[in-house]
Amino acid sequence: MYKPIQVDRENLTIMGVQFPDLATLERTANAIGSNMFEGFEPTEELIRIYLDYKTKKITNIQLLNKLKEIL
């Protein structure tokens, strides 16, 4: 079942995770929302990992390793 997530465009946060700009926040919110209709249940940790990957703070390999650790 779909559950809305907390998106704060004024403070640039999704579920408490700080984003660098509105465009990145909106792209991420749209991606998360689309996947939620398919059953994805986001957590703060998953959003943080996704943001780190999209802002190139972690590599593809690091992304996969982090996801293996938590899933």
N, C-alpha and C. Protein backbone atom coordinates (compact mmCIF):
# COMPACT_ATOMS: atom_id res chain seq x y z
N MET A 1 0.84 -1.17 0.00
CA MET A 1 0.00 0.00 0.00
C MET A 1 0.89 1.25 0.00
N TYR A 2 0.51 2.25 -0.77
CA TYR A 2 1.27 3.49 -0.90
C TYR A 2 1.13 4.33 0.37
N LYS A 3 2.27 4.78 0.89
CA LYS A 3 2.28 5.69 2.04
C LYS A 3 3.06 6.93 1.63
N PRO A 4 2.50 8.12 1.83
CA PRO A 4 3.24 9.33 1.47
C PRO A 4 4.51 9.49 2.31
N ILE A 5 5.53 10.09 1.71
CA ILE A 5 6.77 10.36 2.43
C ILE A 5 6.86 11.86 2.71
N GLN A 6 7.66 12.20 3.69
CA GLN A 6 7.81 13.59 4.09
C GLN A 6 8.80 14.29 3.15
N VAL A 7 8.26 15.22 2.34
CA VAL A 7 9.08 16.03 1.43
C VAL A 7 8.92 17.48 1.86
N ASP A 8 10.03 18.12 2.20
CA ASP A 8 10.01 19.53 2.62
C ASP A 8 10.83 20.33 1.60
N ARG A 9 10.11 20.94 0.66
CA ARG A 9 10.78 21.70 -0.41
C ARG A 9 11.44 22.98 0.11
N GLU A 10 10.89 23.56 1.15
CA GLU A 10 11.49 24.78 1.71
C GLU A 10 12.86 24.51 2.31
N ASN A 11 12.97 23.41 3.06
CA ASN A 11 14.23 23.06 3.71
C ASN A 11 15.06 22.05 2.92
N LEU A 12 14.56 21.69 1.73
CA LEU A 12 15.25 20.77 0.82
C LEU A 12 15.55 19.42 1.48
N THR A 13 14.52 18.81 2.09
CA THR A 13 14.70 17.50 2.71
C THR A 13 13.63 16.52 2.28
N ILE A 14 14.03 15.26 2.24
CA ILE A 14 13.10 14.14 2.08
C ILE A 14 13.38 13.21 3.24
N MET A 15 12.38 12.97 4.04
CA MET A 15 12.50 12.13 5.24
C MET A 15 13.70 12.54 6.08
N GLY A 16 13.96 13.84 6.16
CA GLY A 16 15.03 14.37 6.97
C GLY A 16 16.39 14.41 6.29
N VAL A 17 16.50 13.87 5.08
CA VAL A 17 17.78 13.86 4.35
C VAL A 17 17.90 15.17 3.59
N GLN A 18 18.98 15.90 3.83
CA GLN A 18 19.22 17.22 3.22
C GLN A 18 19.73 17.07 1.78
N PHE A 19 19.12 17.83 0.87
CA PHE A 19 19.52 17.83 -0.54
C PHE A 19 20.22 19.14 -0.87
N PRO A 20 21.13 19.11 -1.86
CA PRO A 20 21.90 20.31 -2.18
C PRO A 20 21.10 21.38 -2.91
N ASP A 21 20.03 20.98 -3.61
CA ASP A 21 19.24 21.95 -4.38
C ASP A 21 17.86 21.37 -4.67
N LEU A 22 16.95 22.24 -5.09
CA LEU A 22 15.57 21.84 -5.33
C LEU A 22 15.46 20.87 -6.50
N ALA A 23 16.24 21.05 -7.53
CA ALA A 23 16.16 20.16 -8.70
C ALA A 23 16.51 18.72 -8.32
N THR A 24 17.55 18.54 -7.54
CA THR A 24 17.95 17.20 -7.11
C THR A 24 16.89 16.59 -6.20
N LEU A 25 16.33 17.39 -5.32
CA LEU A 25 15.25 16.92 -4.44
C LEU A 25 14.05 16.46 -5.26
N GLU A 26 13.64 17.26 -6.22
CA GLU A 26 12.46 16.91 -7.01
C GLU A 26 12.68 15.68 -7.88
N ARG A 27 13.86 15.55 -8.48
CA ARG A 27 14.16 14.35 -9.27
C ARG A 27 14.12 13.11 -8.39
N THR A 28 14.69 13.23 -7.20
CA THR A 28 14.72 12.10 -6.28
C THR A 28 13.31 11.76 -5.79
N ALA A 29 12.54 12.77 -5.43
CA ALA A 29 11.16 12.54 -4.97
C ALA A 29 10.34 11.85 -6.06
N ASN A 30 10.51 12.27 -7.30
CA ASN A 30 9.78 11.65 -8.42
C ASN A 30 10.20 10.20 -8.60
N ALA A 31 11.50 9.92 -8.53
CA ALA A 31 11.99 8.55 -8.68
C ALA A 31 11.47 7.66 -7.55
N ILE A 32 11.55 8.17 -6.33
CA ILE A 32 11.07 7.40 -5.18
C ILE A 32 9.57 7.15 -5.30
N GLY A 33 8.82 8.19 -5.64
CA GLY A 33 7.37 8.05 -5.78
C GLY A 33 6.99 7.02 -6.81
N SER A 34 7.65 7.04 -7.95
CA SER A 34 7.37 6.05 -9.00
C SER A 34 7.62 4.63 -8.50
N ASN A 35 8.72 4.45 -7.80
CA ASN A 35 9.06 3.12 -7.30
C ASN A 35 8.15 2.68 -6.16
N MET A 36 7.61 3.63 -5.42
CA MET A 36 6.71 3.28 -4.32
C MET A 36 5.43 2.64 -4.85
N PHE A 37 4.99 3.03 -6.05
CA PHE A 37 3.81 2.41 -6.63
C PHE A 37 4.06 0.95 -7.00
N GLU A 38 5.33 0.58 -7.09
CA GLU A 38 5.72 -0.80 -7.38
C GLU A 38 6.05 -1.57 -6.11
N GLY A 39 5.86 -0.94 -4.94
CA GLY A 39 6.07 -1.64 -3.69
C GLY A 39 7.31 -1.23 -2.90
N PHE A 40 8.13 -0.33 -3.45
CA PHE A 40 9.33 0.13 -2.74
C PHE A 40 8.92 0.90 -1.50
N GLU A 41 9.56 0.59 -0.37
CA GLU A 41 9.31 1.30 0.88
C GLU A 41 10.59 2.02 1.29
N PRO A 42 10.68 3.33 1.02
CA PRO A 42 11.92 4.07 1.30
C PRO A 42 12.15 4.25 2.80
N THR A 43 13.43 4.32 3.14
CA THR A 43 13.84 4.65 4.50
C THR A 43 14.81 5.82 4.39
N GLU A 44 15.06 6.45 5.50
CA GLU A 44 16.03 7.55 5.52
C GLU A 44 17.39 7.06 5.02
N GLU A 45 17.78 5.87 5.46
CA GLU A 45 19.08 5.32 5.07
C GLU A 45 19.16 5.08 3.56
N LEU A 46 18.10 4.53 2.96
CA LEU A 46 18.10 4.29 1.52
C LEU A 46 18.14 5.60 0.74
N ILE A 47 17.43 6.60 1.21
CA ILE A 47 17.45 7.91 0.55
C ILE A 47 18.84 8.52 0.63
N ARG A 48 19.47 8.40 1.76
CA ARG A 48 20.83 8.94 1.93
C ARG A 48 21.82 8.23 0.99
N ILE A 49 21.71 6.92 0.88
CA ILE A 49 22.58 6.17 -0.02
C ILE A 49 22.34 6.59 -1.46
N TYR A 50 21.08 6.71 -1.85
CA TYR A 50 20.75 7.14 -3.20
C TYR A 50 21.33 8.52 -3.50
N LEU A 51 21.17 9.45 -2.56
CA LEU A 51 21.70 10.79 -2.74
C LEU A 51 23.22 10.77 -2.86
N ASP A 52 23.89 9.98 -2.02
CA ASP A 52 25.35 9.87 -2.11
C ASP A 52 25.77 9.35 -3.48
N TYR A 53 25.03 8.41 -4.01
CA TYR A 53 25.34 7.87 -5.34
C TYR A 53 25.10 8.92 -6.43
N LYS A 54 23.96 9.58 -6.37
CA LYS A 54 23.62 10.56 -7.41
C LYS A 54 24.53 11.78 -7.38
N THR A 55 25.08 12.11 -6.22
CA THR A 55 25.99 13.26 -6.13
C THR A 55 27.45 12.83 -6.20
N LYS A 56 27.64 11.56 -6.61
CA LYS A 56 28.98 11.00 -6.86
C LYS A 56 29.89 10.94 -5.62
N LYS A 57 29.27 10.83 -4.45
CA LYS A 57 30.05 10.64 -3.22
C LYS A 57 30.46 9.18 -3.05
N ILE A 58 29.70 8.28 -3.70
CA ILE A 58 30.05 6.87 -3.68
C ILE A 58 29.99 6.33 -5.11
N THR A 59 30.76 5.27 -5.35
CA THR A 59 30.83 4.65 -6.67
C THR A 59 29.74 3.59 -6.83
N ASN A 60 29.65 3.03 -8.03
CA ASN A 60 28.69 1.94 -8.28
C ASN A 60 28.94 0.77 -7.34
N ILE A 61 30.19 0.40 -7.19
CA ILE A 61 30.55 -0.73 -6.31
C ILE A 61 30.17 -0.43 -4.87
N GLN A 62 30.47 0.78 -4.41
CA GLN A 62 30.11 1.16 -3.04
C GLN A 62 28.60 1.14 -2.85
N LEU A 63 27.86 1.59 -3.86
CA LEU A 63 26.40 1.56 -3.80
C LEU A 63 25.92 0.13 -3.62
N LEU A 64 26.41 -0.77 -4.45
CA LEU A 64 25.98 -2.16 -4.35
C LEU A 64 26.34 -2.77 -3.00
N ASN A 65 27.54 -2.49 -2.52
CA ASN A 65 27.94 -3.02 -1.22
C ASN A 65 27.07 -2.49 -0.09
N LYS A 66 26.74 -1.21 -0.12
CA LYS A 66 25.87 -0.63 0.92
C LYS A 66 24.48 -1.26 0.88
N LEU A 67 23.96 -1.45 -0.34
CA LEU A 67 22.64 -2.06 -0.47
C LEU A 67 22.64 -3.51 0.01
N LYS A 68 23.71 -4.24 -0.27
CA LYS A 68 23.82 -5.62 0.22
C LYS A 68 23.81 -5.65 1.75
N GLU A 69 24.45 -4.68 2.37
CA GLU A 69 24.53 -4.63 3.83
C GLU A 69 23.17 -4.44 4.49
N ILE A 70 22.31 -3.62 3.85
CA ILE A 70 21.06 -3.28 4.52
C ILE A 70 19.84 -4.05 4.00
N LEU A 71 19.97 -4.68 2.86
CA LEU A 71 18.79 -5.40 2.33
C LEU A 71 18.88 -6.88 2.56
